[in-house]
């Protein structure tokens, strides 16, 4: 994640590749 906002990730490598996605 570089500029994605409002994301929540819980767990090993969750949302690992998300760079700019929002609200995940």
PDBML (XML) file of the C-alpha atoms, coordinates in Angstrom:
<?xml version="1.0" encoding="UTF-8" ?>
<PDBx:datablock datablockName="MODEL"
   xmlns:PDBx="http://pdbml.pdb.org/schema/pdbx-v50.xsd"
   xmlns:xsi="http://www.w3.org/2001/XMLSchema-instance"
   xsi:schemaLocation="http://pdbml.pdb.org/schema/pdbx-v50.xsd pdbx-v50.xsd">
   <PDBx:atom_siteCategory>
      <PDBx:atom_site id="1">
         <PDBx:B_iso_or_equiv>0.00</PDBx:B_iso_or_equiv>
         <PDBx:Cartn_x>0.000</PDBx:Cartn_x>
         <PDBx:Cartn_y>0.000</PDBx:Cartn_y>
         <PDBx:Cartn_z>0.000</PDBx:Cartn_z>
         <PDBx:auth_asym_id>A</PDBx:auth_asym_id>
         <PDBx:auth_atom_id>CA</PDBx:auth_atom_id>
         <PDBx:auth_comp_id>UNK</PDBx:auth_comp_id>
         <PDBx:auth_seq_id>1</PDBx:auth_seq_id>
         <PDBx:group_PDB>ATOM</PDBx:group_PDB>
         <PDBx:label_alt_id xsi:nil="true" />
         <PDBx:label_asym_id>A</PDBx:label_asym_id>
         <PDBx:label_atom_id>CA</PDBx:label_atom_id>
         <PDBx:label_comp_id>UNK</PDBx:label_comp_id>
         <PDBx:label_entity_id>1</PDBx:label_entity_id>
         <PDBx:label_seq_id>1</PDBx:label_seq_id>
         <PDBx:occupancy>1.00</PDBx:occupancy>
         <PDBx:pdbx_PDB_model_num>1</PDBx:pdbx_PDB_model_num>
         <PDBx:type_symbol>C</PDBx:type_symbol>
      </PDBx:atom_site>
      <PDBx:atom_site id="2">
         <PDBx:B_iso_or_equiv>0.00</PDBx:B_iso_or_equiv>
         <PDBx:Cartn_x>1.415</PDBx:Cartn_x>
         <PDBx:Cartn_y>3.366</PDBx:Cartn_y>
         <PDBx:Cartn_z>-1.053</PDBx:Cartn_z>
         <PDBx:auth_asym_id>A</PDBx:auth_asym_id>
         <PDBx:auth_atom_id>CA</PDBx:auth_atom_id>
         <PDBx:auth_comp_id>UNK</PDBx:auth_comp_id>
         <PDBx:auth_seq_id>2</PDBx:auth_seq_id>
         <PDBx:group_PDB>ATOM</PDBx:group_PDB>
         <PDBx:label_alt_id xsi:nil="true" />
         <PDBx:label_asym_id>A</PDBx:label_asym_id>
         <PDBx:label_atom_id>CA</PDBx:label_atom_id>
         <PDBx:label_comp_id>UNK</PDBx:label_comp_id>
         <PDBx:label_entity_id>1</PDBx:label_entity_id>
         <PDBx:label_seq_id>2</PDBx:label_seq_id>
         <PDBx:occupancy>1.00</PDBx:occupancy>
         <PDBx:pdbx_PDB_model_num>1</PDBx:pdbx_PDB_model_num>
         <PDBx:type_symbol>C</PDBx:type_symbol>
      </PDBx:atom_site>
      <PDBx:atom_site id="3">
         <PDBx:B_iso_or_equiv>0.00</PDBx:B_iso_or_equiv>
         <PDBx:Cartn_x>-1.541</PDBx:Cartn_x>
         <PDBx:Cartn_y>5.727</PDBx:Cartn_y>
         <PDBx:Cartn_z>-1.286</PDBx:Cartn_z>
         <PDBx:auth_asym_id>A</PDBx:auth_asym_id>
         <PDBx:auth_atom_id>CA</PDBx:auth_atom_id>
         <PDBx:auth_comp_id>UNK</PDBx:auth_comp_id>
         <PDBx:auth_seq_id>3</PDBx:auth_seq_id>
         <PDBx:group_PDB>ATOM</PDBx:group_PDB>
         <PDBx:label_alt_id xsi:nil="true" />
         <PDBx:label_asym_id>A</PDBx:label_asym_id>
         <PDBx:label_atom_id>CA</PDBx:label_atom_id>
         <PDBx:label_comp_id>UNK</PDBx:label_comp_id>
         <PDBx:label_entity_id>1</PDBx:label_entity_id>
         <PDBx:label_seq_id>3</PDBx:label_seq_id>
         <PDBx:occupancy>1.00</PDBx:occupancy>
         <PDBx:pdbx_PDB_model_num>1</PDBx:pdbx_PDB_model_num>
         <PDBx:type_symbol>C</PDBx:type_symbol>
      </PDBx:atom_site>
      <PDBx:atom_site id="4">
         <PDBx:B_iso_or_equiv>0.00</PDBx:B_iso_or_equiv>
         <PDBx:Cartn_x>-4.628</PDBx:Cartn_x>
         <PDBx:Cartn_y>3.580</PDBx:Cartn_y>
         <PDBx:Cartn_z>-0.692</PDBx:Cartn_z>
         <PDBx:auth_asym_id>A</PDBx:auth_asym_id>
         <PDBx:auth_atom_id>CA</PDBx:auth_atom_id>
         <PDBx:auth_comp_id>UNK</PDBx:auth_comp_id>
         <PDBx:auth_seq_id>4</PDBx:auth_seq_id>
         <PDBx:group_PDB>ATOM</PDBx:group_PDB>
         <PDBx:label_alt_id xsi:nil="true" />
         <PDBx:label_asym_id>A</PDBx:label_asym_id>
         <PDBx:label_atom_id>CA</PDBx:label_atom_id>
         <PDBx:label_comp_id>UNK</PDBx:label_comp_id>
         <PDBx:label_entity_id>1</PDBx:label_entity_id>
         <PDBx:label_seq_id>4</PDBx:label_seq_id>
         <PDBx:occupancy>1.00</PDBx:occupancy>
         <PDBx:pdbx_PDB_model_num>1</PDBx:pdbx_PDB_model_num>
         <PDBx:type_symbol>C</PDBx:type_symbol>
      </PDBx:atom_site>
      <PDBx:atom_site id="5">
         <PDBx:B_iso_or_equiv>0.00</PDBx:B_iso_or_equiv>
         <PDBx:Cartn_x>-6.861</PDBx:Cartn_x>
         <PDBx:Cartn_y>4.784</PDBx:Cartn_y>
         <PDBx:Cartn_z>2.124</PDBx:Cartn_z>
         <PDBx:auth_asym_id>A</PDBx:auth_asym_id>
         <PDBx:auth_atom_id>CA</PDBx:auth_atom_id>
         <PDBx:auth_comp_id>UNK</PDBx:auth_comp_id>
         <PDBx:auth_seq_id>5</PDBx:auth_seq_id>
         <PDBx:group_PDB>ATOM</PDBx:group_PDB>
         <PDBx:label_alt_id xsi:nil="true" />
         <PDBx:label_asym_id>A</PDBx:label_asym_id>
         <PDBx:label_atom_id>CA</PDBx:label_atom_id>
         <PDBx:label_comp_id>UNK</PDBx:label_comp_id>
         <PDBx:label_entity_id>1</PDBx:label_entity_id>
         <PDBx:label_seq_id>5</PDBx:label_seq_id>
         <PDBx:occupancy>1.00</PDBx:occupancy>
         <PDBx:pdbx_PDB_model_num>1</PDBx:pdbx_PDB_model_num>
         <PDBx:type_symbol>C</PDBx:type_symbol>
      </PDBx:atom_site>
      <PDBx:atom_site id="6">
         <PDBx:B_iso_or_equiv>0.00</PDBx:B_iso_or_equiv>
         <PDBx:Cartn_x>-9.605</PDBx:Cartn_x>
         <PDBx:Cartn_y>3.454</PDBx:Cartn_y>
         <PDBx:Cartn_z>4.396</PDBx:Cartn_z>
         <PDBx:auth_asym_id>A</PDBx:auth_asym_id>
         <PDBx:auth_atom_id>CA</PDBx:auth_atom_id>
         <PDBx:auth_comp_id>UNK</PDBx:auth_comp_id>
         <PDBx:auth_seq_id>6</PDBx:auth_seq_id>
         <PDBx:group_PDB>ATOM</PDBx:group_PDB>
         <PDBx:label_alt_id xsi:nil="true" />
         <PDBx:label_asym_id>A</PDBx:label_asym_id>
         <PDBx:label_atom_id>CA</PDBx:label_atom_id>
         <PDBx:label_comp_id>UNK</PDBx:label_comp_id>
         <PDBx:label_entity_id>1</PDBx:label_entity_id>
         <PDBx:label_seq_id>6</PDBx:label_seq_id>
         <PDBx:occupancy>1.00</PDBx:occupancy>
         <PDBx:pdbx_PDB_model_num>1</PDBx:pdbx_PDB_model_num>
         <PDBx:type_symbol>C</PDBx:type_symbol>
      </PDBx:atom_site>
      <PDBx:atom_site id="7">
         <PDBx:B_iso_or_equiv>0.00</PDBx:B_iso_or_equiv>
         <PDBx:Cartn_x>-8.417</PDBx:Cartn_x>
         <PDBx:Cartn_y>-0.162</PDBx:Cartn_y>
         <PDBx:Cartn_z>4.163</PDBx:Cartn_z>
         <PDBx:auth_asym_id>A</PDBx:auth_asym_id>
         <PDBx:auth_atom_id>CA</PDBx:auth_atom_id>
         <PDBx:auth_comp_id>UNK</PDBx:auth_comp_id>
         <PDBx:auth_seq_id>7</PDBx:auth_seq_id>
         <PDBx:group_PDB>ATOM</PDBx:group_PDB>
         <PDBx:label_alt_id xsi:nil="true" />
         <PDBx:label_asym_id>A</PDBx:label_asym_id>
         <PDBx:label_atom_id>CA</PDBx:label_atom_id>
         <PDBx:label_comp_id>UNK</PDBx:label_comp_id>
         <PDBx:label_entity_id>1</PDBx:label_entity_id>
         <PDBx:label_seq_id>7</PDBx:label_seq_id>
         <PDBx:occupancy>1.00</PDBx:occupancy>
         <PDBx:pdbx_PDB_model_num>1</PDBx:pdbx_PDB_model_num>
         <PDBx:type_symbol>C</PDBx:type_symbol>
      </PDBx:atom_site>
      <PDBx:atom_site id="8">
         <PDBx:B_iso_or_equiv>0.00</PDBx:B_iso_or_equiv>
         <PDBx:Cartn_x>-8.542</PDBx:Cartn_x>
         <PDBx:Cartn_y>-2.777</PDBx:Cartn_y>
         <PDBx:Cartn_z>6.905</PDBx:Cartn_z>
         <PDBx:auth_asym_id>A</PDBx:auth_asym_id>
         <PDBx:auth_atom_id>CA</PDBx:auth_atom_id>
         <PDBx:auth_comp_id>UNK</PDBx:auth_comp_id>
         <PDBx:auth_seq_id>8</PDBx:auth_seq_id>
         <PDBx:group_PDB>ATOM</PDBx:group_PDB>
         <PDBx:label_alt_id xsi:nil="true" />
         <PDBx:label_asym_id>A</PDBx:label_asym_id>
         <PDBx:label_atom_id>CA</PDBx:label_atom_id>
         <PDBx:label_comp_id>UNK</PDBx:label_comp_id>
         <PDBx:label_entity_id>1</PDBx:label_entity_id>
         <PDBx:label_seq_id>8</PDBx:label_seq_id>
         <PDBx:occupancy>1.00</PDBx:occupancy>
         <PDBx:pdbx_PDB_model_num>1</PDBx:pdbx_PDB_model_num>
         <PDBx:type_symbol>C</PDBx:type_symbol>
      </PDBx:atom_site>
      <PDBx:atom_site id="9">
         <PDBx:B_iso_or_equiv>0.00</PDBx:B_iso_or_equiv>
         <PDBx:Cartn_x>-6.361</PDBx:Cartn_x>
         <PDBx:Cartn_y>-5.894</PDBx:Cartn_y>
         <PDBx:Cartn_z>6.721</PDBx:Cartn_z>
         <PDBx:auth_asym_id>A</PDBx:auth_asym_id>
         <PDBx:auth_atom_id>CA</PDBx:auth_atom_id>
         <PDBx:auth_comp_id>UNK</PDBx:auth_comp_id>
         <PDBx:auth_seq_id>9</PDBx:auth_seq_id>
         <PDBx:group_PDB>ATOM</PDBx:group_PDB>
         <PDBx:label_alt_id xsi:nil="true" />
         <PDBx:label_asym_id>A</PDBx:label_asym_id>
         <PDBx:label_atom_id>CA</PDBx:label_atom_id>
         <PDBx:label_comp_id>UNK</PDBx:label_comp_id>
         <PDBx:label_entity_id>1</PDBx:label_entity_id>
         <PDBx:label_seq_id>9</PDBx:label_seq_id>
         <PDBx:occupancy>1.00</PDBx:occupancy>
         <PDBx:pdbx_PDB_model_num>1</PDBx:pdbx_PDB_model_num>
         <PDBx:type_symbol>C</PDBx:type_symbol>
      </PDBx:atom_site>
      <PDBx:atom_site id="10">
         <PDBx:B_iso_or_equiv>0.00</PDBx:B_iso_or_equiv>
         <PDBx:Cartn_x>-6.200</PDBx:Cartn_x>
         <PDBx:Cartn_y>-8.552</PDBx:Cartn_y>
         <PDBx:Cartn_z>9.427</PDBx:Cartn_z>
         <PDBx:auth_asym_id>A</PDBx:auth_asym_id>
         <PDBx:auth_atom_id>CA</PDBx:auth_atom_id>
         <PDBx:auth_comp_id>UNK</PDBx:auth_comp_id>
         <PDBx:auth_seq_id>10</PDBx:auth_seq_id>
         <PDBx:group_PDB>ATOM</PDBx:group_PDB>
         <PDBx:label_alt_id xsi:nil="true" />
         <PDBx:label_asym_id>A</PDBx:label_asym_id>
         <PDBx:label_atom_id>CA</PDBx:label_atom_id>
         <PDBx:label_comp_id>UNK</PDBx:label_comp_id>
         <PDBx:label_entity_id>1</PDBx:label_entity_id>
         <PDBx:label_seq_id>10</PDBx:label_seq_id>
         <PDBx:occupancy>1.00</PDBx:occupancy>
         <PDBx:pdbx_PDB_model_num>1</PDBx:pdbx_PDB_model_num>
         <PDBx:type_symbol>C</PDBx:type_symbol>
      </PDBx:atom_site>
      <PDBx:atom_site id="11">
         <PDBx:B_iso_or_equiv>0.00</PDBx:B_iso_or_equiv>
         <PDBx:Cartn_x>-4.140</PDBx:Cartn_x>
         <PDBx:Cartn_y>-11.681</PDBx:Cartn_y>
         <PDBx:Cartn_z>8.880</PDBx:Cartn_z>
         <PDBx:auth_asym_id>A</PDBx:auth_asym_id>
         <PDBx:auth_atom_id>CA</PDBx:auth_atom_id>
         <PDBx:auth_comp_id>UNK</PDBx:auth_comp_id>
         <PDBx:auth_seq_id>11</PDBx:auth_seq_id>
         <PDBx:group_PDB>ATOM</PDBx:group_PDB>
         <PDBx:label_alt_id xsi:nil="true" />
         <PDBx:label_asym_id>A</PDBx:label_asym_id>
         <PDBx:label_atom_id>CA</PDBx:label_atom_id>
         <PDBx:label_comp_id>UNK</PDBx:label_comp_id>
         <PDBx:label_entity_id>1</PDBx:label_entity_id>
         <PDBx:label_seq_id>11</PDBx:label_seq_id>
         <PDBx:occupancy>1.00</PDBx:occupancy>
         <PDBx:pdbx_PDB_model_num>1</PDBx:pdbx_PDB_model_num>
         <PDBx:type_symbol>C</PDBx:type_symbol>
      </PDBx:atom_site>
      <PDBx:atom_site id="12">
         <PDBx:B_iso_or_equiv>0.00</PDBx:B_iso_or_equiv>
         <PDBx:Cartn_x>-0.846</PDBx:Cartn_x>
         <PDBx:Cartn_y>-12.811</PDBx:Cartn_y>
         <PDBx:Cartn_z>7.414</PDBx:Cartn_z>
         <PDBx:auth_asym_id>A</PDBx:auth_asym_id>
         <PDBx:auth_atom_id>CA</PDBx:auth_atom_id>
         <PDBx:auth_comp_id>UNK</PDBx:auth_comp_id>
         <PDBx:auth_seq_id>12</PDBx:auth_seq_id>
         <PDBx:group_PDB>ATOM</PDBx:group_PDB>
         <PDBx:label_alt_id xsi:nil="true" />
         <PDBx:label_asym_id>A</PDBx:label_asym_id>
         <PDBx:label_atom_id>CA</PDBx:label_atom_id>
         <PDBx:label_comp_id>UNK</PDBx:label_comp_id>
         <PDBx:label_entity_id>1</PDBx:label_entity_id>
         <PDBx:label_seq_id>12</PDBx:label_seq_id>
         <PDBx:occupancy>1.00</PDBx:occupancy>
         <PDBx:pdbx_PDB_model_num>1</PDBx:pdbx_PDB_model_num>
         <PDBx:type_symbol>C</PDBx:type_symbol>
      </PDBx:atom_site>
      <PDBx:atom_site id="13">
         <PDBx:B_iso_or_equiv>0.00</PDBx:B_iso_or_equiv>
         <PDBx:Cartn_x>-0.348</PDBx:Cartn_x>
         <PDBx:Cartn_y>-11.133</PDBx:Cartn_y>
         <PDBx:Cartn_z>4.001</PDBx:Cartn_z>
         <PDBx:auth_asym_id>A</PDBx:auth_asym_id>
         <PDBx:auth_atom_id>CA</PDBx:auth_atom_id>
         <PDBx:auth_comp_id>UNK</PDBx:auth_comp_id>
         <PDBx:auth_seq_id>13</PDBx:auth_seq_id>
         <PDBx:group_PDB>ATOM</PDBx:group_PDB>
         <PDBx:label_alt_id xsi:nil="true" />
         <PDBx:label_asym_id>A</PDBx:label_asym_id>
         <PDBx:label_atom_id>CA</PDBx:label_atom_id>
         <PDBx:label_comp_id>UNK</PDBx:label_comp_id>
         <PDBx:label_entity_id>1</PDBx:label_entity_id>
         <PDBx:label_seq_id>13</PDBx:label_seq_id>
         <PDBx:occupancy>1.00</PDBx:occupancy>
         <PDBx:pdbx_PDB_model_num>1</PDBx:pdbx_PDB_model_num>
         <PDBx:type_symbol>C</PDBx:type_symbol>
      </PDBx:atom_site>
      <PDBx:atom_site id="14">
         <PDBx:B_iso_or_equiv>0.00</PDBx:B_iso_or_equiv>
         <PDBx:Cartn_x>-3.927</PDBx:Cartn_x>
         <PDBx:Cartn_y>-9.865</PDBx:Cartn_y>
         <PDBx:Cartn_z>3.850</PDBx:Cartn_z>
         <PDBx:auth_asym_id>A</PDBx:auth_asym_id>
         <PDBx:auth_atom_id>CA</PDBx:auth_atom_id>
         <PDBx:auth_comp_id>UNK</PDBx:auth_comp_id>
         <PDBx:auth_seq_id>14</PDBx:auth_seq_id>
         <PDBx:group_PDB>ATOM</PDBx:group_PDB>
         <PDBx:label_alt_id xsi:nil="true" />
         <PDBx:label_asym_id>A</PDBx:label_asym_id>
         <PDBx:label_atom_id>CA</PDBx:label_atom_id>
         <PDBx:label_comp_id>UNK</PDBx:label_comp_id>
         <PDBx:label_entity_id>1</PDBx:label_entity_id>
         <PDBx:label_seq_id>14</PDBx:label_seq_id>
         <PDBx:occupancy>1.00</PDBx:occupancy>
         <PDBx:pdbx_PDB_model_num>1</PDBx:pdbx_PDB_model_num>
         <PDBx:type_symbol>C</PDBx:type_symbol>
      </PDBx:atom_site>
      <PDBx:atom_site id="15">
         <PDBx:B_iso_or_equiv>0.00</PDBx:B_iso_or_equiv>
         <PDBx:Cartn_x>-4.297</PDBx:Cartn_x>
         <PDBx:Cartn_y>-7.102</PDBx:Cartn_y>
         <PDBx:Cartn_z>1.233</PDBx:Cartn_z>
         <PDBx:auth_asym_id>A</PDBx:auth_asym_id>
         <PDBx:auth_atom_id>CA</PDBx:auth_atom_id>
         <PDBx:auth_comp_id>UNK</PDBx:auth_comp_id>
         <PDBx:auth_seq_id>15</PDBx:auth_seq_id>
         <PDBx:group_PDB>ATOM</PDBx:group_PDB>
         <PDBx:label_alt_id xsi:nil="true" />
         <PDBx:label_asym_id>A</PDBx:label_asym_id>
         <PDBx:label_atom_id>CA</PDBx:label_atom_id>
         <PDBx:label_comp_id>UNK</PDBx:label_comp_id>
         <PDBx:label_entity_id>1</PDBx:label_entity_id>
         <PDBx:label_seq_id>15</PDBx:label_seq_id>
         <PDBx:occupancy>1.00</PDBx:occupancy>
         <PDBx:pdbx_PDB_model_num>1</PDBx:pdbx_PDB_model_num>
         <PDBx:type_symbol>C</PDBx:type_symbol>
      </PDBx:atom_site>
      <PDBx:atom_site id="16">
         <PDBx:B_iso_or_equiv>0.00</PDBx:B_iso_or_equiv>
         <PDBx:Cartn_x>-0.602</PDBx:Cartn_x>
         <PDBx:Cartn_y>-7.665</PDBx:Cartn_y>
         <PDBx:Cartn_z>0.537</PDBx:Cartn_z>
         <PDBx:auth_asym_id>A</PDBx:auth_asym_id>
         <PDBx:auth_atom_id>CA</PDBx:auth_atom_id>
         <PDBx:auth_comp_id>UNK</PDBx:auth_comp_id>
         <PDBx:auth_seq_id>16</PDBx:auth_seq_id>
         <PDBx:group_PDB>ATOM</PDBx:group_PDB>
         <PDBx:label_alt_id xsi:nil="true" />
         <PDBx:label_asym_id>A</PDBx:label_asym_id>
         <PDBx:label_atom_id>CA</PDBx:label_atom_id>
         <PDBx:label_comp_id>UNK</PDBx:label_comp_id>
         <PDBx:label_entity_id>1</PDBx:label_entity_id>
         <PDBx:label_seq_id>16</PDBx:label_seq_id>
         <PDBx:occupancy>1.00</PDBx:occupancy>
         <PDBx:pdbx_PDB_model_num>1</PDBx:pdbx_PDB_model_num>
         <PDBx:type_symbol>C</PDBx:type_symbol>
      </PDBx:atom_site>
      <PDBx:atom_site id="17">
         <PDBx:B_iso_or_equiv>0.00</PDBx:B_iso_or_equiv>
         <PDBx:Cartn_x>-0.521</PDBx:Cartn_x>
         <PDBx:Cartn_y>-6.283</PDBx:Cartn_y>
         <PDBx:Cartn_z>-3.042</PDBx:Cartn_z>
         <PDBx:auth_asym_id>A</PDBx:auth_asym_id>
         <PDBx:auth_atom_id>CA</PDBx:auth_atom_id>
         <PDBx:auth_comp_id>UNK</PDBx:auth_comp_id>
         <PDBx:auth_seq_id>17</PDBx:auth_seq_id>
         <PDBx:group_PDB>ATOM</PDBx:group_PDB>
         <PDBx:label_alt_id xsi:nil="true" />
         <PDBx:label_asym_id>A</PDBx:label_asym_id>
         <PDBx:label_atom_id>CA</PDBx:label_atom_id>
         <PDBx:label_comp_id>UNK</PDBx:label_comp_id>
         <PDBx:label_entity_id>1</PDBx:label_entity_id>
         <PDBx:label_seq_id>17</PDBx:label_seq_id>
         <PDBx:occupancy>1.00</PDBx:occupancy>
         <PDBx:pdbx_PDB_model_num>1</PDBx:pdbx_PDB_model_num>
         <PDBx:type_symbol>C</PDBx:type_symbol>
      </PDBx:atom_site>
      <PDBx:atom_site id="18">
         <PDBx:B_iso_or_equiv>0.00</PDBx:B_iso_or_equiv>
         <PDBx:Cartn_x>-2.960</PDBx:Cartn_x>
         <PDBx:Cartn_y>-3.425</PDBx:Cartn_y>
         <PDBx:Cartn_z>-2.543</PDBx:Cartn_z>
         <PDBx:auth_asym_id>A</PDBx:auth_asym_id>
         <PDBx:auth_atom_id>CA</PDBx:auth_atom_id>
         <PDBx:auth_comp_id>UNK</PDBx:auth_comp_id>
         <PDBx:auth_seq_id>18</PDBx:auth_seq_id>
         <PDBx:group_PDB>ATOM</PDBx:group_PDB>
         <PDBx:label_alt_id xsi:nil="true" />
         <PDBx:label_asym_id>A</PDBx:label_asym_id>
         <PDBx:label_atom_id>CA</PDBx:label_atom_id>
         <PDBx:label_comp_id>UNK</PDBx:label_comp_id>
         <PDBx:label_entity_id>1</PDBx:label_entity_id>
         <PDBx:label_seq_id>18</PDBx:label_seq_id>
         <PDBx:occupancy>1.00</PDBx:occupancy>
         <PDBx:pdbx_PDB_model_num>1</PDBx:pdbx_PDB_model_num>
         <PDBx:type_symbol>C</PDBx:type_symbol>
      </PDBx:atom_site>
      <PDBx:atom_site id="19">
         <PDBx:B_iso_or_equiv>0.00</PDBx:B_iso_or_equiv>
         <PDBx:Cartn_x>-1.180</PDBx:Cartn_x>
         <PDBx:Cartn_y>-0.234</PDBx:Cartn_y>
         <PDBx:Cartn_z>-3.590</PDBx:Cartn_z>
         <PDBx:auth_asym_id>A</PDBx:auth_asym_id>
         <PDBx:auth_atom_id>CA</PDBx:auth_atom_id>
         <PDBx:auth_comp_id>UNK</PDBx:auth_comp_id>
         <PDBx:auth_seq_id>19</PDBx:auth_seq_id>
         <PDBx:group_PDB>ATOM</PDBx:group_PDB>
         <PDBx:label_alt_id xsi:nil="true" />
         <PDBx:label_asym_id>A</PDBx:label_asym_id>
         <PDBx:label_atom_id>CA</PDBx:label_atom_id>
         <PDBx:label_comp_id>UNK</PDBx:label_comp_id>
         <PDBx:label_entity_id>1</PDBx:label_entity_id>
         <PDBx:label_seq_id>19</PDBx:label_seq_id>
         <PDBx:occupancy>1.00</PDBx:occupancy>
         <PDBx:pdbx_PDB_model_num>1</PDBx:pdbx_PDB_model_num>
         <PDBx:type_symbol>C</PDBx:type_symbol>
      </PDBx:atom_site>
      <PDBx:atom_site id="20">
         <PDBx:B_iso_or_equiv>0.00</PDBx:B_iso_or_equiv>
         <PDBx:Cartn_x>-3.856</PDBx:Cartn_x>
         <PDBx:Cartn_y>2.357</PDBx:Cartn_y>
         <PDBx:Cartn_z>-4.223</PDBx:Cartn_z>
         <PDBx:auth_asym_id>A</PDBx:auth_asym_id>
         <PDBx:auth_atom_id>CA</PDBx:auth_atom_id>
         <PDBx:auth_comp_id>UNK</PDBx:auth_comp_id>
         <PDBx:auth_seq_id>20</PDBx:auth_seq_id>
         <PDBx:group_PDB>ATOM</PDBx:group_PDB>
         <PDBx:label_alt_id xsi:nil="true" />
         <PDBx:label_asym_id>A</PDBx:label_asym_id>
         <PDBx:label_atom_id>CA</PDBx:label_atom_id>
         <PDBx:label_comp_id>UNK</PDBx:label_comp_id>
         <PDBx:label_entity_id>1</PDBx:label_entity_id>
         <PDBx:label_seq_id>20</PDBx:label_seq_id>
         <PDBx:occupancy>1.00</PDBx:occupancy>
         <PDBx:pdbx_PDB_model_num>1</PDBx:pdbx_PDB_model_num>
         <PDBx:type_symbol>C</PDBx:type_symbol>
      </PDBx:atom_site>
      <PDBx:atom_site id="21">
         <PDBx:B_iso_or_equiv>0.00</PDBx:B_iso_or_equiv>
         <PDBx:Cartn_x>-7.173</PDBx:Cartn_x>
         <PDBx:Cartn_y>0.572</PDBx:Cartn_y>
         <PDBx:Cartn_z>-3.694</PDBx:Cartn_z>
         <PDBx:auth_asym_id>A</PDBx:auth_asym_id>
         <PDBx:auth_atom_id>CA</PDBx:auth_atom_id>
         <PDBx:auth_comp_id>UNK</PDBx:auth_comp_id>
         <PDBx:auth_seq_id>21</PDBx:auth_seq_id>
         <PDBx:group_PDB>ATOM</PDBx:group_PDB>
         <PDBx:label_alt_id xsi:nil="true" />
         <PDBx:label_asym_id>A</PDBx:label_asym_id>
         <PDBx:label_atom_id>CA</PDBx:label_atom_id>
         <PDBx:label_comp_id>UNK</PDBx:label_comp_id>
         <PDBx:label_entity_id>1</PDBx:label_entity_id>
         <PDBx:label_seq_id>21</PDBx:label_seq_id>
         <PDBx:occupancy>1.00</PDBx:occupancy>
         <PDBx:pdbx_PDB_model_num>1</PDBx:pdbx_PDB_model_num>
         <PDBx:type_symbol>C</PDBx:type_symbol>
      </PDBx:atom_site>
      <PDBx:atom_site id="22">
         <PDBx:B_iso_or_equiv>0.00</PDBx:B_iso_or_equiv>
         <PDBx:Cartn_x>-9.539</PDBx:Cartn_x>
         <PDBx:Cartn_y>2.213</PDBx:Cartn_y>
         <PDBx:Cartn_z>-1.219</PDBx:Cartn_z>
         <PDBx:auth_asym_id>A</PDBx:auth_asym_id>
         <PDBx:auth_atom_id>CA</PDBx:auth_atom_id>
         <PDBx:auth_comp_id>UNK</PDBx:auth_comp_id>
         <PDBx:auth_seq_id>22</PDBx:auth_seq_id>
         <PDBx:group_PDB>ATOM</PDBx:group_PDB>
         <PDBx:label_alt_id xsi:nil="true" />
         <PDBx:label_asym_id>A</PDBx:label_asym_id>
         <PDBx:label_atom_id>CA</PDBx:label_atom_id>
         <PDBx:label_comp_id>UNK</PDBx:label_comp_id>
         <PDBx:label_entity_id>1</PDBx:label_entity_id>
         <PDBx:label_seq_id>22</PDBx:label_seq_id>
         <PDBx:occupancy>1.00</PDBx:occupancy>
         <PDBx:pdbx_PDB_model_num>1</PDBx:pdbx_PDB_model_num>
         <PDBx:type_symbol>C</PDBx:type_symbol>
      </PDBx:atom_site>
      <PDBx:atom_site id="23">
         <PDBx:B_iso_or_equiv>0.00</PDBx:B_iso_or_equiv>
         <PDBx:Cartn_x>-12.170</PDBx:Cartn_x>
         <PDBx:Cartn_y>1.037</PDBx:Cartn_y>
         <PDBx:Cartn_z>1.239</PDBx:Cartn_z>
         <PDBx:auth_asym_id>A</PDBx:auth_asym_id>
         <PDBx:auth_atom_id>CA</PDBx:auth_atom_id>
         <PDBx:auth_comp_id>UNK</PDBx:auth_comp_id>
         <PDBx:auth_seq_id>23</PDBx:auth_seq_id>
         <PDBx:group_PDB>ATOM</PDBx:group_PDB>
         <PDBx:label_alt_id xsi:nil="true" />
         <PDBx:label_asym_id>A</PDBx:label_asym_id>
         <PDBx:label_atom_id>CA</PDBx:label_atom_id>
         <PDBx:label_comp_id>UNK</PDBx:label_comp_id>
         <PDBx:label_entity_id>1</PDBx:label_entity_id>
         <PDBx:label_seq_id>23</PDBx:label_seq_id>
         <PDBx:occupancy>1.00</PDBx:occupancy>
         <PDBx:pdbx_PDB_model_num>1</PDBx:pdbx_PDB_model_num>
         <PDBx:type_symbol>C</PDBx:type_symbol>
      </PDBx:atom_site>
      <PDBx:atom_site id="24">
         <PDBx:B_iso_or_equiv>0.00</PDBx:B_iso_or_equiv>
         <PDBx:Cartn_x>-11.252</PDBx:Cartn_x>
         <PDBx:Cartn_y>-2.666</PDBx:Cartn_y>
         <PDBx:Cartn_z>1.244</PDBx:Cartn_z>
         <PDBx:auth_asym_id>A</PDBx:auth_asym_id>
         <PDBx:auth_atom_id>CA</PDBx:auth_atom_id>
         <PDBx:auth_comp_id>UNK</PDBx:auth_comp_id>
         <PDBx:auth_seq_id>24</PDBx:auth_seq_id>
         <PDBx:group_PDB>ATOM</PDBx:group_PDB>
         <PDBx:label_alt_id xsi:nil="true" />
         <PDBx:label_asym_id>A</PDBx:label_asym_id>
         <PDBx:label_atom_id>CA</PDBx:label_atom_id>
         <PDBx:label_comp_id>UNK</PDBx:label_comp_id>
         <PDBx:label_entity_id>1</PDBx:label_entity_id>
         <PDBx:label_seq_id>24</PDBx:label_seq_id>
         <PDBx:occupancy>1.00</PDBx:occupancy>
         <PDBx:pdbx_PDB_model_num>1</PDBx:pdbx_PDB_model_num>
         <PDBx:type_symbol>C</PDBx:type_symbol>
      </PDBx:atom_site>
   </PDBx:atom_siteCategory>
</PDBx:datablock>
